[in-house]
Protein backbone atom coordinates (compact mmCIF):
# COMPACT_ATOMS: atom_id res chain seq x y z
CA MET A 1 113.10 81.34 120.15
CA ASN A 2 116.04 82.89 118.55
CA ALA A 3 114.47 85.94 116.79
CA PRO A 4 111.07 87.45 117.11
CA TRP A 5 108.44 86.10 114.58
CA THR A 6 108.17 89.84 113.45
CA ASP A 7 111.91 89.77 112.46
CA LEU A 8 111.16 86.91 109.92
CA ALA A 9 109.72 86.87 106.36
CA PRO A 10 106.19 85.83 106.08
CA ALA A 11 107.04 82.15 104.87
CA ASP A 12 109.78 81.72 107.62
CA ALA A 13 107.35 82.97 110.28
CA ALA A 14 104.68 80.57 109.08
CA ARG A 15 107.26 77.84 109.58
CA ALA A 16 108.37 79.07 113.02
CA VAL A 17 104.78 79.44 114.25
CA ALA A 18 103.71 75.91 113.14
CA ALA A 19 106.86 74.37 114.80
CA TRP A 20 106.27 76.24 118.06
CA VAL A 21 102.55 75.01 117.93
CA ALA A 22 103.60 71.45 117.25
CA GLY A 23 106.26 71.63 119.97
CA HIS A 24 103.78 72.53 122.66
CA GLY A 25 101.27 70.08 121.49
CA TRP A 26 98.59 72.25 120.20
CA PRO A 27 96.49 71.24 117.19
CA ALA A 28 98.10 72.39 113.92
CA TYR A 29 95.08 74.50 112.86
CA ARG A 30 96.12 76.86 115.77
CA ALA A 31 99.13 78.08 113.79
CA SER A 32 96.58 79.46 111.14
CA GLN A 33 94.67 81.55 113.84
CA ILE A 34 98.17 82.89 115.27
CA LEU A 35 99.86 84.01 112.12
CA PRO A 36 97.48 86.54 111.02
CA ARG A 37 97.76 88.20 114.30
CA LEU A 38 101.41 89.22 113.47
CA TRP A 39 100.47 91.51 110.46
CA THR A 40 97.27 91.01 108.53
CA ARG A 41 94.98 91.48 111.66
CA PRO A 42 97.50 92.62 114.27
CA VAL A 43 96.79 92.93 117.92
CA ALA A 44 98.96 94.97 120.20
CA ARG A 45 99.53 91.96 122.58
CA TRP A 46 98.50 88.49 122.49
CA GLN A 47 95.92 88.79 125.05
CA ASP A 48 93.79 90.95 122.65
CA ALA A 49 93.48 88.04 120.50
CA THR A 50 90.44 86.94 122.07
CA ASP A 51 89.43 84.19 119.33
CA LEU A 52 92.23 82.14 120.88
CA PRO A 53 91.93 80.10 124.26
CA ALA A 54 93.35 81.86 127.27
CA ALA A 55 96.01 79.07 128.00
CA LEU A 56 97.39 79.46 124.41
CA LEU A 57 97.59 83.24 124.77
CA ALA A 58 99.45 82.93 128.17
CA LYS A 59 102.02 80.59 126.59
CA LEU A 60 102.38 83.15 123.47
CA GLU A 61 102.85 86.05 126.06
CA ARG A 62 105.76 83.91 127.63
CA ASP A 63 107.40 82.45 124.79
CA ALA A 64 106.82 84.92 121.84
CA PRO A 65 105.77 88.35 123.08
CA ILE A 66 104.85 90.66 120.17
CA PRO A 67 107.56 93.40 120.10
CA ARG A 68 106.30 96.91 119.78
CA LEU A 69 108.11 100.13 119.25
CA ALA A 70 107.68 102.55 122.22
CA LEU A 71 106.18 105.89 121.25
CA ALA A 72 108.21 108.67 122.85
CA THR A 73 106.63 111.48 120.96
CA ARG A 74 103.84 112.28 118.41
CA GLU A 75 103.61 115.72 116.97
CA VAL A 76 100.89 117.08 114.51
CA SER A 77 101.61 119.73 111.75
CA ARG A 78 99.12 122.12 110.79
CA ASP A 79 99.04 120.41 107.41
CA GLY A 80 98.04 117.20 108.81
CA THR A 81 101.63 115.56 108.73
CA ILE A 82 102.19 113.56 111.83
CA LYS A 83 105.79 112.89 113.15
CA PHE A 84 106.31 109.76 115.53
CA LEU A 85 109.54 109.33 117.58
CA TRP A 86 109.82 105.58 118.54
CA ARG A 87 112.17 104.34 121.31
CA LEU A 88 113.95 101.11 120.53
CA HIS A 89 114.95 98.56 123.13
CA ASP A 90 118.67 99.56 123.44
CA GLY A 91 117.91 103.29 123.73
CA GLN A 92 118.19 104.13 120.24
CA ALA A 93 115.39 106.22 118.61
CA VAL A 94 114.06 106.63 114.96
CA GLU A 95 111.23 108.57 113.52
CA SER A 96 108.36 107.77 111.00
CA VAL A 97 106.27 110.53 109.23
CA TRP A 98 102.72 110.18 108.21
CA ILE A 99 101.66 112.27 105.28
CA PRO A 100 98.09 112.44 104.37
CA GLU A 101 96.97 113.99 101.17
CA GLY A 102 93.50 113.29 99.79
CA LYS A 103 93.03 109.51 99.63
CA ARG A 104 96.78 108.97 99.72
CA ARG A 105 98.20 108.18 103.04
CA THR A 106 102.16 107.86 102.76
CA LEU A 107 104.36 106.60 105.47
CA CYS A 108 107.80 107.50 105.48
CA ILE A 109 109.81 104.95 107.64
CA SER A 110 113.45 104.58 108.86
CA SER A 111 115.80 101.69 108.01
CA GLN A 112 118.72 102.71 110.34
CA ALA A 113 119.30 104.75 113.43
CA GLY A 114 121.57 107.44 112.17
CA CYS A 115 123.46 107.47 108.86
CA ALA A 116 126.92 106.75 107.77
CA PHE A 117 126.92 108.58 104.52
CA GLY A 118 127.26 112.16 105.66
CA CYS A 119 125.38 114.04 102.86
CA THR A 120 125.83 117.93 103.59
CA PHE A 121 122.27 118.97 103.04
CA CYS A 122 121.01 116.48 105.48
CA ALA A 123 121.14 116.85 109.29
CA THR A 124 121.36 113.07 109.97
CA GLY A 125 124.37 113.08 107.71
CA ARG A 126 126.11 115.22 110.28
CA MET A 127 125.18 112.90 113.06
CA GLY A 128 126.90 109.60 112.33
CA PHE A 129 125.69 106.01 112.41
CA GLY A 130 124.02 104.30 115.18
CA ARG A 131 123.06 100.93 113.95
CA HIS A 132 120.89 98.88 111.34
CA LEU A 133 117.10 98.33 112.27
CA THR A 134 116.12 94.72 112.15
CA ALA A 135 113.54 93.80 109.68
CA GLY A 136 110.84 93.74 112.51
CA GLU A 137 111.76 97.27 113.59
CA ILE A 138 111.39 98.71 110.18
CA ALA A 139 108.03 96.95 109.65
CA LEU A 140 106.78 97.58 113.14
CA GLN A 141 106.64 101.24 112.14
CA VAL A 142 103.95 100.42 109.69
CA ARG A 143 102.16 97.92 112.02
CA ALA A 144 102.01 100.76 114.46
CA MET A 145 99.78 102.51 111.97
CA LEU A 146 97.58 99.61 111.64
CA LEU A 147 96.97 99.57 115.38
CA ASP A 148 95.95 103.36 115.47
CA PRO A 149 92.32 103.78 114.72
CA SER A 150 92.78 107.34 113.88
CA LEU A 151 95.21 106.47 111.08
CA GLY A 152 94.73 102.77 109.82
CA ARG A 153 96.31 101.53 106.71
CA PRO A 154 98.92 103.53 104.63
CA THR A 155 98.45 103.51 100.86
CA ASN A 156 102.01 103.99 100.20
CA ILE A 157 105.35 103.18 101.83
CA VAL A 158 108.58 105.16 101.08
CA PHE A 159 112.06 104.21 102.72
CA MET A 160 113.11 107.84 102.98
CA GLY A 161 113.28 108.27 106.71
CA MET A 162 116.56 107.89 108.67
CA GLY A 163 119.37 105.87 107.25
CA GLU A 164 120.40 104.35 103.98
CA PRO A 165 118.23 101.35 103.19
CA LEU A 166 120.59 99.57 100.79
CA HIS A 167 123.23 99.75 103.35
CA ASN A 168 121.05 97.56 105.51
CA TRP A 169 119.90 95.37 102.39
CA ASP A 170 119.38 92.11 104.17
CA HIS A 171 116.91 93.50 106.70
CA VAL A 172 115.43 95.79 104.54
CA SER A 173 114.98 92.93 101.85
CA THR A 174 112.99 90.93 104.60
CA ALA A 175 110.95 94.06 105.78
CA LEU A 176 109.81 94.47 101.95
CA SER A 177 108.60 90.77 101.98
CA ILE A 178 106.70 91.58 105.24
CA LEU A 179 105.29 94.74 103.79
CA ASN A 180 104.17 93.38 100.43
CA ASP A 181 103.13 89.56 101.16
CA PRO A 182 99.46 88.98 101.32
CA THR A 183 100.13 86.76 104.56
CA GLY A 184 102.16 89.86 105.77
CA ILE A 185 100.68 93.53 105.53
CA GLY A 186 100.02 93.13 101.92
CA ILE A 187 100.86 96.59 100.52
CA GLY A 188 101.17 96.37 96.72
CA ALA A 189 104.73 96.45 95.55
CA ARG A 190 103.95 99.52 93.16
CA HIS A 191 103.10 101.58 96.30
CA ILE A 192 106.49 100.85 97.95
CA THR A 193 109.43 102.92 97.17
CA VAL A 194 113.15 102.46 98.33
CA SER A 195 115.51 105.30 98.35
CA THR A 196 119.27 105.24 98.06
CA VAL A 197 122.25 107.56 97.82
CA GLY A 198 123.72 105.18 95.25
CA VAL A 199 124.98 101.96 97.06
CA ILE A 200 125.63 100.01 94.00
CA PRO A 201 125.79 96.37 95.56
CA GLY A 202 122.34 97.29 97.02
CA ILE A 203 120.93 98.27 93.88
CA GLN A 204 122.13 95.24 92.15
CA ALA A 205 120.77 92.99 94.85
CA PHE A 206 117.46 95.02 94.62
CA ALA A 207 117.09 94.38 91.10
CA GLN A 208 116.99 90.74 91.51
CA ARG A 209 113.59 91.05 93.46
CA PRO A 210 110.68 89.93 91.29
CA GLU A 211 108.12 92.45 92.59
CA GLN A 212 107.43 95.82 91.22
CA PHE A 213 109.11 97.83 94.06
CA GLY A 214 110.42 101.42 92.90
CA ILE A 215 113.65 102.87 93.44
CA ALA A 216 114.61 106.55 93.98
CA LEU A 217 118.10 107.74 93.61
CA SER A 218 118.97 110.76 95.76
CA LEU A 219 120.81 112.54 92.89
CA HIS A 220 121.16 116.14 93.81
CA SER A 221 123.56 117.05 91.03
CA PRO A 222 123.94 115.53 87.54
CA PHE A 223 127.50 116.24 87.61
CA SER A 224 129.90 113.93 89.39
CA ALA A 225 132.33 116.48 90.53
CA VAL A 226 129.52 118.65 92.08
CA ARG A 227 127.87 115.66 93.61
CA ALA A 228 131.13 114.67 95.35
CA THR A 229 131.08 118.05 97.21
CA MET A 230 127.66 117.16 98.65
CA MET A 231 127.75 113.44 99.05
CA PRO A 232 130.76 111.51 100.04
CA ILE A 233 129.44 108.35 98.43
CA GLU A 234 130.44 109.96 95.32
CA ARG A 235 133.91 108.99 95.78
CA LYS A 236 133.33 105.28 96.35
CA TRP A 237 130.64 104.80 93.79
CA PRO A 238 130.77 107.60 91.14
CA LEU A 239 127.68 108.75 89.55
CA PRO A 240 128.22 107.19 86.07
CA GLU A 241 128.59 103.80 87.56
CA VAL A 242 125.44 104.43 89.68
CA LEU A 243 123.52 105.35 86.58
CA ALA A 244 124.90 102.32 84.70
CA ALA A 245 123.60 100.06 87.57
CA LEU A 246 120.19 101.79 87.53
CA ALA A 247 120.02 101.30 83.79
CA ALA A 248 119.94 97.44 84.49
CA PHE A 249 117.15 97.92 87.06
CA PRO A 250 113.99 96.53 85.83
CA ARG A 251 111.47 98.76 87.18
CA ARG A 252 110.65 102.31 87.65
CA VAL A 253 113.32 104.89 88.70
CA THR A 254 112.87 108.32 90.25
CA PHE A 255 115.31 110.85 90.83
CA GLU A 256 115.05 113.02 94.16
CA TYR A 257 116.92 116.44 93.72
CA VAL A 258 116.93 118.80 96.44
CA MET A 259 117.46 122.27 95.01
CA ILE A 260 120.39 124.42 96.40
CA ALA A 261 120.82 128.01 95.43
CA GLY A 262 124.16 128.43 93.32
CA THR A 263 125.04 124.67 93.40
CA ASN A 264 122.73 122.78 91.44
CA ASP A 265 119.90 125.04 89.95
CA ARG A 266 121.59 126.39 86.73
CA ASP A 267 120.27 125.67 83.20
CA GLU A 268 123.06 123.49 82.58
CA ASP A 269 122.22 121.40 85.56
CA ALA A 270 118.67 121.16 84.37
CA ASP A 271 119.84 119.99 80.72
CA GLU A 272 122.35 117.39 82.09
CA LEU A 273 119.60 116.27 84.44
CA ALA A 274 117.28 115.82 81.65
CA ARG A 275 119.74 113.75 79.86
CA HIS A 276 120.26 111.37 82.58
CA ALA A 277 116.62 111.18 83.21
CA ARG A 278 115.74 110.45 79.59
CA ALA A 279 118.14 107.67 79.46
CA LEU A 280 116.58 105.80 82.27
CA GLY A 281 113.00 106.96 81.64
CA ALA A 282 113.04 108.49 85.13
CA HIS A 283 110.69 110.83 86.94
CA VAL A 284 112.29 113.82 88.70
CA ASN A 285 110.93 115.09 91.99
CA LEU A 286 112.32 118.57 92.65
CA LEU A 287 112.42 119.52 96.24
CA PRO A 288 113.24 122.77 98.07
CA LEU A 289 116.20 122.84 100.57
CA HIS A 290 115.02 122.48 104.10
CA PRO A 291 116.78 123.79 107.25
CA GLY A 292 118.77 121.37 109.18
CA GLY A 293 121.78 120.49 106.82
CA SER A 294 125.06 122.45 106.31
CA PRO A 295 124.50 126.17 107.42
CA GLY A 296 126.39 127.36 104.39
CA LEU A 297 123.58 126.16 101.90
CA ALA A 298 120.78 128.26 100.79
CA PRO A 299 117.51 127.07 99.21
CA THR A 300 116.72 127.85 95.52
CA THR A 301 113.97 130.46 95.16
CA PRO A 302 110.41 129.18 94.36
CA ASP A 303 110.61 131.06 91.01
CA ARG A 304 113.71 129.41 90.12
CA ILE A 305 112.55 125.93 90.97
CA ALA A 306 109.50 126.54 88.75
CA ALA A 307 111.75 127.64 85.91
CA PHE A 308 113.91 124.70 86.24
CA ALA A 309 111.15 122.31 86.33
CA ALA A 310 109.70 124.04 83.25
CA ARG A 311 113.08 123.37 81.46
CA LEU A 312 113.00 119.77 82.19
CA ILE A 313 109.38 119.45 81.07
CA SER A 314 110.30 121.21 77.83
CA GLN A 315 112.63 118.47 77.06
CA GLY A 316 110.11 115.80 77.64
CA ILE A 317 110.95 114.87 81.26
CA ARG A 318 108.32 114.05 83.76
CA ALA A 319 109.12 116.47 86.79
CA THR A 320 107.10 117.27 89.84
CA VAL A 321 107.82 119.99 92.47
CA ARG A 322 107.19 118.52 95.69
CA ARG A 323 105.28 120.43 98.38
CA SER A 324 106.93 120.85 101.91
CA ARG A 325 105.19 119.04 104.44
CA GLY A 326 105.40 119.07 108.20
CA LEU A 327 107.84 122.12 108.25
CA ASP A 328 106.34 123.49 111.48
CA ILE A 329 107.03 120.30 113.42
CA ASN A 330 110.50 119.76 111.60
CA ALA A 331 109.17 116.77 109.75
CA ALA A 332 109.87 117.84 106.36
CA CYS A 333 112.67 116.21 104.11
CA GLY A 334 116.09 116.42 105.68
CA GLN A 335 114.73 117.99 109.14
CA LEU A 336 114.43 115.10 111.42
CA ARG A 337 117.39 115.35 113.61
CA VAL A 338 118.93 115.07 117.22
CA ALA A 339 117.35 118.02 118.63
CA SER A 340 117.30 117.40 122.21
CA ASP A 341 117.50 114.74 124.96
CA ARG A 342 113.83 113.93 126.08
CA ASP A 343 113.83 111.04 128.75
CA GLY A 344 117.28 110.15 127.61
CA ILE A 345 116.18 109.54 123.87
CA ARG A 346 118.01 110.99 121.06
CA THR A 347 115.71 112.67 118.47
CA GLN A 348 117.18 112.09 114.91
CA GLU A 349 116.66 113.33 111.23
CA HIS A 350 116.03 112.06 107.93
CA ALA A 351 119.02 110.71 106.31
CA HIS A 352 117.40 111.31 102.73
CA ILE A 353 115.60 113.85 100.79
CA GLN A 354 112.35 112.34 99.62
């Protein structure tokens, strides 16, 4: 087997499982018993699929073992947020964050180990790029929740963890199929959002997907010149070009906007942000700056954030001030970073502000 079945889109996995079953002389119906154990009714290992014969399970364990992320640490915040540090097979490590709120259970997942884009307000941006995650490594972060009886099924998935998802588009696209397909995990497309700093080829490729996935632009300044001081990507794909690409995006758009004192929190910033949001029908999420990025940056005060939001709303813009979650365990937006070497594992931070 060239790639684990968990790295394949559901349709491709179905063909691979069927071929494996046929190649070993098992009845064809065995494939329909095996396939749900990958995602819809997952098991930690094949031996746990007790509805299958022992001889078949032994062959599956030998030929097609189910990959599983190794949990290095699990930290629980006072507000119920849970941060997971996963060890990958090559020693890289990534983090996921579970954010419960009422009936909503959001899982923030990573798409890369590290990040290549160097945003000044984000700790991961100061760490550099490790590697892309495979589609399976992305989706296994969700699968781990399904296997945990204390957590269960997330209601929402956000690609706002470590890495730039559209820099890893091929694997992210396959992971989206796994997450959304009824024969995969089966989470509704409207409950899945992909964040980007503005990778235009990725935005264009994402726009070709027929499902109702959402996109969130890490904006952080409505002015190209100011954005360039915080986000090096601005020099490659300037904001006017990014906004033009989003104008052709056929589904909902959100602006993520971390508020930095004296940098992007003036009235003129709010007015220009409102103009961009109105043109795209975008929702604006305002977030306080959290510790972890450049030490020269300071957070906007809560009163000023409230006034900024009110100015947007007065101009007909849907705007939300996001509440910080997981601050006491460094799990809030922009806080997951390489903090220590625990058992030789690098711990890393969010690459995006969610």
